[in-house]
Structure formats: structure tokens, C-alpha cells
């Protein structure tokens, strides 16, 4: 994924806030291990939220081709890393995306990039699942789209209920995937190793 450059004025403002947070937590921002931490965190947060400056529809359109293929196209096990908007803690996992073309296909890597665009925003898994589906449906107008996301949430594992290894699965679909038989075919295909 293309790295979006950090904006200097934004970086400086974020650094000030992260320094203040560290002081409020009782840390000495001048000790050796923390001297550059505010800058590192400011740059990391801009990277992890770069999806706000990217247009997922344009990504799909940049490699949209006319093709009369009308069978399922699946890109599975797309690794992603996102940030939970409720606790600003990571959640990560794999996205599985399928669509059935209606005269148009897109470059396979573009599907993975769409996942990254929505993952690189403050998110909830449910919304991210729907955003990916809606983007592909509205941009390519396929016969149907289905998205399944499986993720581990650090907000459940590090704090709160503290259940390491728990996995949350979400799905959303349109068009021909409303048929149980089509959804079942997709699920069977993504479960094959």
C-alpha cells in the first residue's frame, strides 16, 4: 500500500498532545526511552488512519475492465490491521471478498487495496464489512458482492473481558449472494486450504 506522507503541522500538533498524555499518565517525557515517542506515535497514527485521504472507488476504477466473465471472483485471506474507534486499540485479521461480475471486473490487487483503505480508518468491524461491500457494489455494479471478515480485537483481549484468541466474524452481501446456495458456495471456497 502506498504510504501517505505525514503533514508536518499535523505531526507537530499530535506530538504536543501525545506529550501531554504521557505526562498525565505520570511519565517523564524527557527520559531516554520516551524522548522521541510523541513523534513516533504521531507518525504511526497518521499512517494507521491514512484511509481518510484515499478514495476506494477511484482505486477500483483505475483498473476497471470490460469482461463477460459471470462466475464468482474471490480474493480471500486479505490481511488487514485496523484501529477500534472505541478504545483506539488494534483489531486485525483477514477479509474474504467475492463478487460476480456484470460485464466489468477490476484488478485483483484493487480488492485488497479497498480493504486497506477502509481498515486504515478508525473503525468498527461491522461498518468496515459493509463499507467494503457497498464500495464494490456501487463502483463495479456486479450481480452481487459478499464480504466476510474474521478478526481479533485487542480491546477484548488486553482489557475488559480479557478473552485472548477470540475471533469476531462479520458478513454482508448483496444481489445473487442473497441466495443461500450462492453464499454456501462462497463459504465453502474460503474455507478450503
N, C-alpha and C. Protein backbone atom coordinates (compact mmCIF):
# COMPACT_ATOMS: atom_id res chain seq x y z
N UNK A 1 0.85 -1.18 0.00
CA UNK A 1 0.00 0.00 0.00
C UNK A 1 0.89 1.24 0.00
N UNK A 2 0.50 2.20 -0.76
CA UNK A 2 1.26 3.45 -0.85
C UNK A 2 1.18 4.20 0.48
N UNK A 3 2.31 4.64 0.96
CA UNK A 3 2.37 5.36 2.23
C UNK A 3 2.06 6.83 2.00
N UNK A 4 1.11 7.34 2.75
CA UNK A 4 0.75 8.74 2.66
C UNK A 4 1.72 9.52 3.54
N UNK A 5 2.30 10.58 3.00
CA UNK A 5 3.27 11.33 3.79
C UNK A 5 2.55 12.10 4.89
N UNK A 6 3.24 12.21 6.02
CA UNK A 6 2.67 12.91 7.16
C UNK A 6 2.77 14.42 6.94
N UNK A 7 1.74 15.11 7.38
CA UNK A 7 1.71 16.56 7.26
C UNK A 7 2.42 17.15 8.47
N UNK A 8 3.41 18.00 8.25
CA UNK A 8 4.27 18.50 9.32
C UNK A 8 3.48 19.19 10.43
N UNK A 9 2.54 20.07 10.07
CA UNK A 9 1.79 20.79 11.11
C UNK A 9 0.92 19.84 11.93
N UNK A 10 0.36 18.83 11.28
CA UNK A 10 -0.45 17.84 12.00
C UNK A 10 0.44 17.03 12.92
N UNK A 11 1.61 16.63 12.43
CA UNK A 11 2.55 15.87 13.24
C UNK A 11 2.94 16.65 14.49
N UNK A 12 3.24 17.93 14.34
CA UNK A 12 3.63 18.76 15.48
C UNK A 12 2.51 18.86 16.51
N UNK A 13 1.28 19.06 16.04
CA UNK A 13 0.15 19.15 16.98
C UNK A 13 -0.08 17.83 17.70
N UNK A 14 -0.02 16.74 16.96
CA UNK A 14 -0.19 15.42 17.59
C UNK A 14 0.91 15.16 18.61
N UNK A 15 2.13 15.55 18.30
CA UNK A 15 3.25 15.37 19.24
C UNK A 15 2.98 16.09 20.56
N UNK A 16 2.47 17.31 20.46
CA UNK A 16 2.14 18.06 21.68
C UNK A 16 1.11 17.32 22.52
N UNK A 17 0.08 16.78 21.86
CA UNK A 17 -0.97 16.07 22.59
C UNK A 17 -0.45 14.77 23.20
N UNK A 18 0.37 14.04 22.45
CA UNK A 18 0.89 12.78 23.00
C UNK A 18 1.87 13.05 24.14
N UNK A 19 2.63 14.13 24.08
CA UNK A 19 3.48 14.50 25.21
C UNK A 19 2.63 14.78 26.44
N UNK A 20 1.53 15.50 26.25
CA UNK A 20 0.63 15.81 27.37
C UNK A 20 0.02 14.52 27.94
N UNK A 21 -0.36 13.60 27.08
CA UNK A 21 -0.93 12.33 27.55
C UNK A 21 0.09 11.57 28.39
N UNK A 22 1.32 11.50 27.91
CA UNK A 22 2.36 10.79 28.66
C UNK A 22 2.57 11.43 30.03
N UNK A 23 2.58 12.77 30.10
CA UNK A 23 2.74 13.45 31.39
C UNK A 23 1.56 13.15 32.30
N UNK A 24 0.34 13.16 31.74
CA UNK A 24 -0.85 12.86 32.55
C UNK A 24 -0.83 11.43 33.11
N UNK A 25 -0.18 10.54 32.39
CA UNK A 25 -0.06 9.15 32.85
C UNK A 25 1.06 8.99 33.88
N UNK A 26 1.77 10.08 34.18
CA UNK A 26 2.81 10.04 35.19
C UNK A 26 4.20 9.77 34.65
N UNK A 27 4.38 9.85 33.35
CA UNK A 27 5.68 9.58 32.74
C UNK A 27 6.52 10.85 32.63
N UNK A 28 7.82 10.63 32.54
CA UNK A 28 8.77 11.70 32.30
C UNK A 28 9.07 11.71 30.80
N UNK A 29 8.53 12.67 30.06
CA UNK A 29 8.70 12.70 28.61
C UNK A 29 10.13 12.99 28.18
N UNK A 30 10.98 13.34 29.14
CA UNK A 30 12.38 13.61 28.83
C UNK A 30 13.30 12.43 29.11
N UNK A 31 12.76 11.34 29.61
CA UNK A 31 13.64 10.19 29.83
C UNK A 31 13.98 9.56 28.49
N UNK A 32 15.12 8.89 28.44
CA UNK A 32 15.70 8.42 27.18
C UNK A 32 14.71 7.64 26.30
N UNK A 33 14.00 6.71 26.88
CA UNK A 33 13.11 5.86 26.08
C UNK A 33 11.90 6.57 25.51
N UNK A 34 11.57 7.74 26.06
CA UNK A 34 10.35 8.45 25.63
C UNK A 34 10.62 9.73 24.84
N UNK A 35 11.86 10.12 24.71
CA UNK A 35 12.16 11.42 24.08
C UNK A 35 11.51 11.55 22.70
N UNK A 36 11.57 10.52 21.88
CA UNK A 36 11.00 10.61 20.52
C UNK A 36 9.65 9.91 20.39
N UNK A 37 9.13 9.39 21.50
CA UNK A 37 7.85 8.66 21.44
C UNK A 37 6.70 9.52 20.90
N UNK A 38 6.51 10.74 21.34
CA UNK A 38 5.41 11.54 20.78
C UNK A 38 5.49 11.66 19.25
N UNK A 39 6.68 11.83 18.71
CA UNK A 39 6.84 11.94 17.26
C UNK A 39 6.52 10.60 16.59
N UNK A 40 7.05 9.51 17.16
CA UNK A 40 6.80 8.18 16.57
C UNK A 40 5.30 7.86 16.56
N UNK A 41 4.63 8.16 17.67
CA UNK A 41 3.19 7.88 17.76
C UNK A 41 2.41 8.77 16.79
N UNK A 42 2.80 10.03 16.68
CA UNK A 42 2.12 10.94 15.75
C UNK A 42 2.23 10.43 14.32
N UNK A 43 3.41 9.99 13.93
CA UNK A 43 3.60 9.46 12.57
C UNK A 43 2.86 8.15 12.38
N UNK A 44 2.88 7.29 13.40
CA UNK A 44 2.18 6.00 13.32
C UNK A 44 0.68 6.20 13.17
N UNK A 45 0.11 7.13 13.94
CA UNK A 45 -1.34 7.37 13.87
C UNK A 45 -1.74 7.91 12.50
N UNK A 46 -0.90 8.76 11.93
CA UNK A 46 -1.22 9.26 10.59
C UNK A 46 -1.18 8.13 9.56
N UNK A 47 -0.23 7.22 9.71
CA UNK A 47 -0.16 6.07 8.81
C UNK A 47 -1.39 5.18 9.00
N UNK A 48 -1.74 4.92 10.26
CA UNK A 48 -2.85 3.98 10.53
C UNK A 48 -4.22 4.56 10.20
N UNK A 49 -4.28 5.86 9.94
CA UNK A 49 -5.56 6.47 9.57
C UNK A 49 -5.51 7.11 8.17
N UNK A 50 -4.56 6.68 7.34
CA UNK A 50 -4.41 7.27 6.01
C UNK A 50 -5.59 6.97 5.09
N UNK A 51 -6.44 6.05 5.48
CA UNK A 51 -7.62 5.74 4.66
C UNK A 51 -8.57 6.90 4.48
N UNK A 52 -8.51 7.87 5.40
CA UNK A 52 -9.37 9.06 5.26
C UNK A 52 -9.00 9.89 4.05
N UNK A 53 -7.76 9.79 3.60
CA UNK A 53 -7.31 10.61 2.47
C UNK A 53 -7.31 9.83 1.16
N UNK A 54 -7.81 8.60 1.18
CA UNK A 54 -7.80 7.75 -0.01
C UNK A 54 -9.23 7.48 -0.47
N UNK A 55 -9.40 7.31 -1.77
CA UNK A 55 -10.71 7.08 -2.35
C UNK A 55 -10.79 5.66 -2.90
N UNK A 56 -11.53 4.82 -2.21
CA UNK A 56 -11.62 3.41 -2.59
C UNK A 56 -12.26 3.23 -3.97
N UNK A 57 -13.25 4.05 -4.31
CA UNK A 57 -13.90 3.95 -5.61
C UNK A 57 -12.90 4.23 -6.74
N UNK A 58 -12.07 5.26 -6.56
CA UNK A 58 -11.07 5.58 -7.58
C UNK A 58 -10.07 4.44 -7.76
N UNK A 59 -9.75 3.77 -6.68
CA UNK A 59 -8.83 2.62 -6.76
C UNK A 59 -9.43 1.54 -7.66
N UNK A 60 -10.71 1.21 -7.45
CA UNK A 60 -11.36 0.20 -8.28
C UNK A 60 -11.46 0.66 -9.74
N UNK A 61 -11.81 1.91 -9.93
CA UNK A 61 -11.97 2.43 -11.29
C UNK A 61 -10.65 2.50 -12.05
N UNK A 62 -9.54 2.60 -11.34
CA UNK A 62 -8.24 2.70 -12.01
C UNK A 62 -7.86 1.41 -12.73
N UNK A 63 -8.57 0.33 -12.44
CA UNK A 63 -8.30 -0.94 -13.11
C UNK A 63 -9.62 -1.66 -13.40
N UNK A 64 -10.57 -0.92 -13.95
CA UNK A 64 -11.88 -1.48 -14.31
C UNK A 64 -11.85 -1.85 -15.79
N UNK A 65 -12.17 -3.12 -16.06
CA UNK A 65 -12.09 -3.63 -17.43
C UNK A 65 -13.38 -4.32 -17.82
N UNK A 66 -13.75 -4.16 -19.08
CA UNK A 66 -14.92 -4.86 -19.58
C UNK A 66 -14.55 -6.32 -19.81
N UNK A 67 -15.37 -7.22 -19.28
CA UNK A 67 -15.13 -8.66 -19.41
C UNK A 67 -16.46 -9.36 -19.18
N UNK A 68 -16.76 -10.36 -20.01
CA UNK A 68 -18.05 -11.03 -19.88
C UNK A 68 -18.01 -12.26 -18.97
N UNK A 69 -17.06 -12.31 -18.08
CA UNK A 69 -16.98 -13.38 -17.09
C UNK A 69 -18.11 -13.19 -16.07
N UNK A 70 -18.88 -14.26 -15.80
CA UNK A 70 -20.02 -14.13 -14.88
C UNK A 70 -20.02 -15.20 -13.80
N UNK A 71 -18.85 -15.58 -13.36
CA UNK A 71 -18.73 -16.53 -12.25
C UNK A 71 -18.10 -15.80 -11.07
N UNK A 72 -18.07 -16.47 -9.95
CA UNK A 72 -17.57 -15.86 -8.73
C UNK A 72 -16.07 -15.55 -8.80
N UNK A 73 -15.71 -14.35 -8.40
CA UNK A 73 -14.32 -13.94 -8.26
C UNK A 73 -14.09 -13.75 -6.76
N UNK A 74 -13.12 -14.47 -6.21
CA UNK A 74 -12.86 -14.41 -4.76
C UNK A 74 -11.42 -14.00 -4.52
N UNK A 75 -11.25 -13.03 -3.65
CA UNK A 75 -9.92 -12.71 -3.11
C UNK A 75 -10.06 -12.98 -1.62
N UNK A 76 -9.36 -14.02 -1.14
CA UNK A 76 -9.53 -14.41 0.25
C UNK A 76 -8.26 -14.22 1.05
N UNK A 77 -8.45 -14.24 2.35
CA UNK A 77 -7.34 -14.12 3.30
C UNK A 77 -6.52 -12.84 3.09
N UNK A 78 -7.23 -11.74 2.90
CA UNK A 78 -6.58 -10.43 2.79
C UNK A 78 -6.29 -9.95 4.21
N UNK A 79 -5.03 -9.95 4.59
CA UNK A 79 -4.66 -9.49 5.92
C UNK A 79 -4.91 -8.00 6.05
N UNK A 80 -5.42 -7.60 7.22
CA UNK A 80 -5.61 -6.17 7.46
C UNK A 80 -5.33 -5.88 8.94
N UNK A 81 -5.04 -4.62 9.20
CA UNK A 81 -4.84 -4.11 10.56
C UNK A 81 -5.63 -2.81 10.64
N UNK A 82 -6.44 -2.70 11.69
CA UNK A 82 -7.26 -1.50 11.85
C UNK A 82 -7.22 -1.06 13.30
N UNK A 83 -7.88 0.07 13.57
CA UNK A 83 -7.94 0.61 14.93
C UNK A 83 -9.40 0.75 15.34
N UNK A 84 -9.74 0.13 16.47
CA UNK A 84 -11.08 0.23 17.03
C UNK A 84 -11.34 1.68 17.44
N UNK A 85 -12.44 2.24 17.00
CA UNK A 85 -12.73 3.64 17.31
C UNK A 85 -13.16 3.84 18.76
N UNK A 86 -13.50 2.77 19.45
CA UNK A 86 -13.97 2.91 20.83
C UNK A 86 -12.82 3.02 21.84
N UNK A 87 -11.71 2.33 21.58
CA UNK A 87 -10.60 2.33 22.54
C UNK A 87 -9.26 2.70 21.90
N UNK A 88 -9.24 2.95 20.60
CA UNK A 88 -8.01 3.21 19.86
C UNK A 88 -6.99 2.10 20.06
N UNK A 89 -7.50 0.88 20.07
CA UNK A 89 -6.66 -0.31 20.13
C UNK A 89 -6.81 -1.06 18.82
N UNK A 90 -5.80 -1.83 18.43
CA UNK A 90 -5.86 -2.54 17.15
C UNK A 90 -6.88 -3.67 17.12
N UNK A 91 -7.44 -3.89 15.94
CA UNK A 91 -8.05 -5.18 15.63
C UNK A 91 -7.50 -5.58 14.27
N UNK A 92 -7.35 -6.87 14.07
CA UNK A 92 -6.66 -7.36 12.88
C UNK A 92 -7.19 -8.74 12.53
N UNK A 93 -7.02 -9.08 11.25
CA UNK A 93 -7.47 -10.39 10.81
C UNK A 93 -7.42 -10.52 9.31
N UNK A 94 -8.43 -11.22 8.79
CA UNK A 94 -8.47 -11.49 7.36
C UNK A 94 -9.85 -11.15 6.81
N UNK A 95 -9.83 -10.58 5.61
CA UNK A 95 -11.07 -10.28 4.89
C UNK A 95 -11.15 -11.23 3.69
N UNK A 96 -12.34 -11.69 3.40
CA UNK A 96 -12.61 -12.53 2.24
C UNK A 96 -13.68 -11.80 1.43
N UNK A 97 -13.39 -11.55 0.16
CA UNK A 97 -14.28 -10.75 -0.67
C UNK A 97 -14.59 -11.50 -1.96
N UNK A 98 -15.87 -11.54 -2.31
CA UNK A 98 -16.28 -12.16 -3.58
C UNK A 98 -17.25 -11.24 -4.30
N UNK A 99 -17.18 -11.30 -5.63
CA UNK A 99 -18.20 -10.62 -6.42
C UNK A 99 -18.43 -11.43 -7.69
N UNK A 100 -19.59 -11.26 -8.26
CA UNK A 100 -19.92 -11.91 -9.53
C UNK A 100 -20.09 -10.79 -10.54
N UNK A 101 -19.16 -10.69 -11.50
CA UNK A 101 -19.15 -9.56 -12.43
C UNK A 101 -20.42 -9.46 -13.28
N UNK A 102 -20.71 -8.24 -13.65
CA UNK A 102 -21.81 -7.93 -14.56
C UNK A 102 -21.21 -7.05 -15.66
N UNK A 103 -20.41 -7.68 -16.53
CA UNK A 103 -19.72 -7.04 -17.65
C UNK A 103 -18.41 -6.34 -17.28
N UNK A 104 -18.15 -6.13 -15.97
CA UNK A 104 -16.92 -5.44 -15.57
C UNK A 104 -16.21 -6.17 -14.44
N UNK A 105 -14.88 -6.22 -14.55
CA UNK A 105 -14.04 -6.75 -13.49
C UNK A 105 -13.06 -5.65 -13.08
N UNK A 106 -12.33 -5.92 -12.01
CA UNK A 106 -11.28 -4.98 -11.58
C UNK A 106 -10.02 -5.77 -11.30
N UNK A 107 -8.90 -5.10 -11.26
CA UNK A 107 -7.65 -5.77 -10.92
C UNK A 107 -7.76 -6.40 -9.54
N UNK A 108 -7.26 -7.61 -9.39
CA UNK A 108 -7.40 -8.34 -8.12
C UNK A 108 -6.75 -7.59 -6.97
N UNK A 109 -5.62 -6.96 -7.21
CA UNK A 109 -4.95 -6.23 -6.13
C UNK A 109 -5.80 -5.05 -5.66
N UNK A 110 -6.68 -4.57 -6.51
CA UNK A 110 -7.52 -3.43 -6.14
C UNK A 110 -8.51 -3.81 -5.04
N UNK A 111 -8.95 -5.06 -5.03
CA UNK A 111 -9.85 -5.52 -3.97
C UNK A 111 -9.12 -5.44 -2.62
N UNK A 112 -7.87 -5.91 -2.59
CA UNK A 112 -7.08 -5.85 -1.36
C UNK A 112 -6.84 -4.40 -0.94
N UNK A 113 -6.62 -3.52 -1.90
CA UNK A 113 -6.40 -2.11 -1.57
C UNK A 113 -7.66 -1.46 -1.00
N UNK A 114 -8.83 -1.87 -1.50
CA UNK A 114 -10.09 -1.35 -0.95
C UNK A 114 -10.21 -1.74 0.52
N UNK A 115 -9.87 -2.99 0.83
CA UNK A 115 -9.89 -3.44 2.23
C UNK A 115 -8.96 -2.54 3.06
N UNK A 116 -7.76 -2.28 2.55
CA UNK A 116 -6.81 -1.44 3.28
C UNK A 116 -7.31 -0.02 3.49
N UNK A 117 -7.96 0.55 2.50
CA UNK A 117 -8.48 1.92 2.64
C UNK A 117 -9.42 2.01 3.83
N UNK A 118 -10.37 1.07 3.91
CA UNK A 118 -11.34 1.13 5.00
C UNK A 118 -10.75 0.68 6.33
N UNK A 119 -9.75 -0.20 6.29
CA UNK A 119 -9.08 -0.62 7.52
C UNK A 119 -8.24 0.51 8.11
N UNK A 120 -7.72 1.39 7.25
CA UNK A 120 -6.87 2.48 7.72
C UNK A 120 -7.71 3.71 8.09
N UNK A 121 -8.76 3.45 8.84
CA UNK A 121 -9.60 4.50 9.43
C UNK A 121 -9.97 4.01 10.82
N UNK A 122 -10.38 4.91 11.70
CA UNK A 122 -10.92 4.44 12.97
C UNK A 122 -12.20 3.70 12.65
N UNK A 123 -12.35 2.47 13.16
CA UNK A 123 -13.39 1.60 12.64
C UNK A 123 -14.08 0.80 13.72
N UNK A 124 -15.20 0.22 13.32
CA UNK A 124 -15.80 -0.95 13.94
C UNK A 124 -15.89 -1.99 12.83
N UNK A 125 -15.73 -3.24 13.18
CA UNK A 125 -15.67 -4.30 12.17
C UNK A 125 -16.95 -4.37 11.34
N UNK A 126 -18.08 -4.16 11.98
CA UNK A 126 -19.35 -4.25 11.27
C UNK A 126 -19.44 -3.21 10.15
N UNK A 127 -19.06 -1.96 10.46
CA UNK A 127 -19.12 -0.89 9.45
C UNK A 127 -18.13 -1.16 8.32
N UNK A 128 -16.92 -1.61 8.69
CA UNK A 128 -15.90 -1.88 7.68
C UNK A 128 -16.38 -2.93 6.69
N UNK A 129 -17.04 -3.97 7.19
CA UNK A 129 -17.57 -5.03 6.33
C UNK A 129 -18.55 -4.45 5.31
N UNK A 130 -19.46 -3.62 5.79
CA UNK A 130 -20.46 -3.02 4.91
C UNK A 130 -19.85 -2.01 3.94
N UNK A 131 -18.88 -1.22 4.41
CA UNK A 131 -18.25 -0.23 3.52
C UNK A 131 -17.55 -0.91 2.34
N UNK A 132 -16.86 -2.00 2.59
CA UNK A 132 -16.18 -2.73 1.50
C UNK A 132 -17.22 -3.23 0.50
N UNK A 133 -18.28 -3.85 1.02
CA UNK A 133 -19.34 -4.38 0.15
C UNK A 133 -19.96 -3.26 -0.69
N UNK A 134 -20.34 -2.17 -0.04
CA UNK A 134 -21.02 -1.07 -0.75
C UNK A 134 -20.12 -0.43 -1.80
N UNK A 135 -18.85 -0.29 -1.50
CA UNK A 135 -17.90 0.30 -2.44
C UNK A 135 -17.82 -0.52 -3.72
N UNK A 136 -17.66 -1.83 -3.57
CA UNK A 136 -17.55 -2.71 -4.75
C UNK A 136 -18.87 -2.74 -5.51
N UNK A 137 -19.99 -2.81 -4.78
CA UNK A 137 -21.29 -2.85 -5.44
C UNK A 137 -21.56 -1.57 -6.23
N UNK A 138 -21.30 -0.42 -5.64
CA UNK A 138 -21.63 0.83 -6.33
C UNK A 138 -20.65 1.15 -7.45
N UNK A 139 -19.41 0.70 -7.36
CA UNK A 139 -18.40 1.05 -8.35
C UNK A 139 -18.41 0.10 -9.55
N UNK A 140 -18.55 -1.20 -9.29
CA UNK A 140 -18.49 -2.18 -10.38
C UNK A 140 -19.88 -2.64 -10.84
N UNK A 141 -20.92 -2.39 -10.02
CA UNK A 141 -22.28 -2.84 -10.31
C UNK A 141 -22.32 -4.33 -10.67
N UNK A 142 -21.71 -5.19 -9.83
CA UNK A 142 -21.73 -6.62 -10.13
C UNK A 142 -23.11 -7.22 -9.83
N UNK A 143 -23.27 -8.50 -10.16
CA UNK A 143 -24.51 -9.21 -9.86
C UNK A 143 -24.67 -9.42 -8.37
N UNK A 144 -23.58 -9.33 -7.63
CA UNK A 144 -23.62 -9.45 -6.18
C UNK A 144 -22.22 -9.37 -5.60
N UNK A 145 -22.17 -9.02 -4.32
CA UNK A 145 -20.91 -8.92 -3.57
C UNK A 145 -21.13 -9.58 -2.22
N UNK A 146 -20.10 -10.26 -1.72
CA UNK A 146 -20.14 -10.77 -0.34
C UNK A 146 -18.79 -10.53 0.30
N UNK A 147 -18.85 -10.09 1.54
CA UNK A 147 -17.64 -9.82 2.33
C UNK A 147 -17.78 -10.54 3.67
N UNK A 148 -16.74 -11.28 4.05
CA UNK A 148 -16.66 -11.90 5.37
C UNK A 148 -15.34 -11.43 5.99
N UNK A 149 -15.42 -10.95 7.22
CA UNK A 149 -14.23 -10.53 7.95
C UNK A 149 -14.14 -11.30 9.25
N UNK A 150 -12.95 -11.84 9.51
CA UNK A 150 -12.65 -12.54 10.76
C UNK A 150 -11.52 -11.77 11.44
N UNK A 151 -11.74 -11.35 12.69
CA UNK A 151 -10.74 -10.50 13.33
C UNK A 151 -10.63 -10.76 14.83
N UNK A 152 -9.44 -10.45 15.32
CA UNK A 152 -9.18 -10.44 16.76
C UNK A 152 -9.11 -8.98 17.20
N UNK A 153 -9.74 -8.70 18.32
CA UNK A 153 -9.83 -7.32 18.82
C UNK A 153 -9.05 -7.20 20.12
N UNK A 154 -8.03 -6.35 20.10
CA UNK A 154 -7.22 -6.16 21.30
C UNK A 154 -8.03 -5.52 22.43
N UNK A 155 -9.10 -4.79 22.10
CA UNK A 155 -9.93 -4.21 23.16
C UNK A 155 -10.65 -5.30 23.95
N UNK A 156 -10.82 -6.49 23.37
CA UNK A 156 -11.40 -7.64 24.09
C UNK A 156 -10.32 -8.49 24.74
N UNK A 157 -9.11 -8.44 24.21
CA UNK A 157 -8.07 -9.33 24.68
C UNK A 157 -7.18 -8.71 25.75
N UNK A 158 -6.88 -7.41 25.64
CA UNK A 158 -5.97 -6.74 26.56
C UNK A 158 -6.68 -6.11 27.76
N UNK A 159 -7.94 -5.80 27.59
CA UNK A 159 -8.69 -5.07 28.63
C UNK A 159 -10.10 -5.65 28.70
N UNK A 160 -10.95 -5.10 29.49
CA UNK A 160 -12.34 -5.53 29.55
C UNK A 160 -12.48 -7.00 29.88
N UNK A 161 -13.08 -7.75 29.00
CA UNK A 161 -13.38 -9.16 29.24
C UNK A 161 -12.12 -10.04 29.21
N UNK A 162 -11.06 -9.58 28.60
CA UNK A 162 -9.76 -10.27 28.53
C UNK A 162 -9.91 -11.72 28.05
N UNK A 163 -10.32 -11.88 26.82
CA UNK A 163 -10.50 -13.21 26.22
C UNK A 163 -9.57 -13.36 25.03
N UNK A 164 -8.31 -13.71 25.27
CA UNK A 164 -7.34 -13.89 24.18
C UNK A 164 -7.79 -14.97 23.20
N UNK A 165 -7.50 -14.73 21.94
CA UNK A 165 -7.79 -15.73 20.91
C UNK A 165 -9.22 -15.72 20.38
N UNK A 166 -10.10 -14.93 21.00
CA UNK A 166 -11.47 -14.90 20.50
C UNK A 166 -11.50 -14.21 19.13
N UNK A 167 -12.35 -14.72 18.25
CA UNK A 167 -12.43 -14.19 16.88
C UNK A 167 -13.87 -13.73 16.62
N UNK A 168 -13.98 -12.55 16.05
CA UNK A 168 -15.28 -12.00 15.67
C UNK A 168 -15.41 -12.12 14.16
N UNK A 169 -16.56 -12.65 13.72
CA UNK A 169 -16.83 -12.80 12.28
C UNK A 169 -18.03 -11.95 11.90
N UNK A 170 -17.87 -11.18 10.84
CA UNK A 170 -18.99 -10.39 10.30
C UNK A 170 -19.13 -10.70 8.82
N UNK A 171 -20.33 -10.53 8.30
CA UNK A 171 -20.55 -10.73 6.86
C UNK A 171 -21.62 -9.76 6.38
N UNK A 172 -21.55 -9.47 5.10
CA UNK A 172 -22.57 -8.65 4.45
C UNK A 172 -22.57 -9.03 2.98
N UNK A 173 -23.73 -8.91 2.34
CA UNK A 173 -23.84 -9.37 0.95
C UNK A 173 -24.97 -8.67 0.24
N UNK A 174 -24.89 -8.71 -1.10
CA UNK A 174 -25.92 -8.11 -1.95
C UNK A 174 -26.23 -9.06 -3.10
N UNK A 175 -27.29 -8.75 -3.82
CA UNK A 175 -27.59 -9.41 -5.09
C UNK A 175 -27.70 -10.91 -5.00
N UNK A 176 -27.00 -11.60 -5.92
CA UNK A 176 -27.12 -13.06 -6.01
C UNK A 176 -26.65 -13.77 -4.75
N UNK A 177 -25.90 -13.09 -3.88
CA UNK A 177 -25.48 -13.71 -2.63
C UNK A 177 -26.62 -13.77 -1.62
N UNK A 178 -27.76 -13.19 -1.95
CA UNK A 178 -28.93 -13.35 -1.09
C UNK A 178 -29.45 -14.78 -1.16
N UNK A 179 -29.05 -15.51 -2.19
CA UNK A 179 -29.39 -16.93 -2.30
C UNK A 179 -28.49 -17.74 -1.37
N UNK A 180 -29.10 -18.56 -0.51
CA UNK A 180 -28.32 -19.37 0.44
C UNK A 180 -27.33 -20.27 -0.28
N UNK A 181 -27.69 -20.77 -1.46
CA UNK A 181 -26.81 -21.67 -2.22
C UNK A 181 -25.53 -20.94 -2.66
N UNK A 182 -25.66 -19.69 -3.10
CA UNK A 182 -24.50 -18.91 -3.54
C UNK A 182 -23.62 -18.56 -2.35
N UNK A 183 -24.24 -18.17 -1.23
CA UNK A 183 -23.46 -17.88 -0.02
C UNK A 183 -22.72 -19.12 0.45
N UNK A 184 -23.38 -20.27 0.39
CA UNK A 184 -22.76 -21.53 0.82
C UNK A 184 -21.55 -21.87 -0.06
N UNK A 185 -21.68 -21.64 -1.37
CA UNK A 185 -20.54 -21.88 -2.27
C UNK A 185 -19.35 -21.00 -1.88
N UNK A 186 -19.61 -19.73 -1.60
CA UNK A 186 -18.56 -18.81 -1.19
C UNK A 186 -17.91 -19.28 0.11
N UNK A 187 -18.70 -19.61 1.10
CA UNK A 187 -18.16 -20.05 2.40
C UNK A 187 -17.32 -21.31 2.22
N UNK A 188 -17.79 -22.25 1.41
CA UNK A 188 -17.02 -23.48 1.16
C UNK A 188 -15.68 -23.16 0.49
N UNK A 189 -15.67 -22.23 -0.44
CA UNK A 189 -14.45 -21.88 -1.15
C UNK A 189 -13.44 -21.15 -0.27
N UNK A 190 -13.91 -20.31 0.65
CA UNK A 190 -12.95 -19.60 1.50
C UNK A 190 -12.42 -20.50 2.62
N UNK A 191 -13.14 -21.57 2.93
CA UNK A 191 -12.67 -22.48 3.99
C UNK A 191 -11.66 -23.50 3.48
N UNK A 192 -11.59 -23.69 2.17
CA UNK A 192 -10.60 -24.63 1.60
C UNK A 192 -9.21 -24.10 1.77
N UNK A 193 -8.30 -24.97 2.11
CA UNK A 193 -6.89 -24.57 2.24
C UNK A 193 -6.10 -24.95 1.02
